Protein backbone atom coordinates (compact mmCIF):
# COMPACT_ATOMS: atom_id res chain seq x y z
CA MET A 1 0.27 -0.50 -0.36
CA ALA A 2 3.14 2.80 1.03
CA ALA A 3 4.34 2.10 -1.94
CA VAL A 4 0.91 2.76 -4.81
CA LEU A 5 1.15 6.00 -2.33
CA GLY A 6 4.09 7.16 -3.27
CA ILE A 7 5.05 7.35 0.70
CA THR A 8 8.10 5.29 2.27
CA THR A 9 7.49 2.58 5.16
CA ALA A 10 9.14 4.36 6.79
CA CYS A 11 6.92 6.20 7.32
CA PHE A 12 4.39 3.59 9.16
CA ALA A 13 5.69 2.04 11.18
CA ASP A 14 4.73 4.19 14.21
CA THR A 15 1.47 3.14 15.56
CA VAL A 16 -1.51 4.87 13.70
CA GLY A 17 -4.79 4.10 13.88
CA SER A 18 -6.10 1.77 11.75
CA ALA A 19 -9.12 3.54 10.47
CA HIS A 20 -8.30 6.58 7.68
CA PHE A 21 -10.07 8.33 5.15
CA ASP A 22 -9.27 10.07 2.19
CA GLY A 23 -10.62 12.96 -0.04
CA GLU A 24 -10.47 16.72 -0.49
CA VAL A 25 -9.74 18.98 2.92
CA SER A 26 -12.41 21.78 3.39
CA HIS A 27 -11.48 22.56 5.86
CA VAL A 28 -8.39 22.90 8.30
CA SER A 29 -6.96 24.98 11.34
CA SER A 30 -5.24 24.87 13.60
CA ASN A 31 -6.97 21.94 16.38
CA ASN A 32 -9.57 20.70 13.13
CA ILE A 33 -9.48 19.19 9.72
CA LYS A 34 -13.04 18.65 7.68
CA VAL A 35 -12.25 15.99 3.91
CA ILE A 36 -14.98 15.56 1.63
CA ASN A 37 -14.79 12.02 -0.22
CA PRO A 38 -15.58 13.59 -3.93
CA LYS A 39 -16.51 10.55 -5.17
CA THR A 40 -19.22 9.44 -1.96
CA HIS A 41 -20.30 12.83 -0.07
CA GLU A 42 -19.42 12.00 2.41
CA SER A 43 -17.89 14.34 4.50
CA LEU A 44 -15.88 13.72 7.93
CA SER A 45 -14.13 16.71 10.73
CA PHE A 46 -10.89 15.52 13.22
CA LEU A 47 -9.61 17.03 15.98
CA LEU A 48 -5.90 18.35 15.71
CA VAL A 49 -4.51 17.80 19.32
CA SER A 50 -1.66 21.31 20.17
CA HIS A 51 0.91 20.65 18.17
CA PHE A 52 0.21 18.78 16.34
CA LYS A 53 3.54 17.35 13.30
CA GLN A 54 1.91 14.22 11.58
CA VAL A 55 1.97 15.70 8.61
CA PHE A 56 3.47 13.76 5.67
CA SER A 57 4.57 15.24 2.01
CA ARG A 58 4.05 12.60 -1.07
CA ASP A 59 7.40 12.17 -0.78
CA GLY A 60 6.94 10.22 2.56
CA LYS A 61 9.10 13.17 4.45
CA MET A 62 7.35 15.42 6.86
CA THR A 63 6.09 18.76 7.12
CA GLN A 64 4.50 21.62 8.19
CA MET A 65 0.59 21.69 9.27
CA ALA A 66 0.59 24.99 6.72
CA SER A 67 1.20 23.20 3.94
CA LEU A 68 -2.68 21.55 4.40
CA HIS A 69 -4.60 23.87 2.08
CA LYS A 70 -8.37 23.65 1.25
CA GLY A 71 -8.74 21.71 -2.34
CA GLN A 72 -6.19 19.25 -1.60
CA TYR A 73 -6.24 15.23 -1.65
CA VAL A 74 -5.09 14.16 1.29
CA LYS A 75 -5.34 10.21 3.25
CA VAL A 76 -5.86 10.96 7.05
CA TYR A 77 -5.35 7.72 9.97
CA TYR A 78 -7.02 7.97 12.66
CA ASP A 79 -8.73 6.47 16.40
CA GLN A 80 -11.96 7.34 18.00
CA LYS A 81 -10.88 6.75 21.68
CA PHE A 82 -11.38 10.25 23.48
CA LEU A 83 -15.08 10.46 24.10
CA GLY A 84 -15.96 9.07 20.71
CA GLN A 85 -14.13 12.11 18.95
CA ARG A 86 -12.30 10.86 16.63
CA HIS A 87 -9.00 13.00 15.99
CA ALA A 88 -6.10 12.64 13.54
CA ASP A 89 -3.41 10.79 13.53
CA ARG A 90 -1.67 11.43 11.11
CA ILE A 91 -2.64 13.47 7.36
CA TYR A 92 -0.44 12.21 4.74
CA ILE A 93 -0.76 14.73 1.65
CA LEU A 94 -1.67 13.23 -1.79
CA SER A 95 -1.83 16.46 -4.21
CA ASP A 96 -0.49 19.24 -4.24
CA ILE A 97 -2.51 22.25 -5.41
């Protein structure tokens, strides 16, 4: 799977939520991100913990939160442990705008 996305397997070495959601960023702020799947029109919001730094570029290198923009296609790995709220564990930027 990592080879298909062009992301190195080293990025997957740490434990992350097993659930993931792919789609276009429709909103991003310092504490949340909303992603819409253009095929199914499903949208999910994810909380971002303070100082969230798990954003990776297409080449698998860690990048800044400022790299996330509305309209980019992303893959968000997440879990729902804390009070049932979805929170992002990692975000992979799959396309540039």
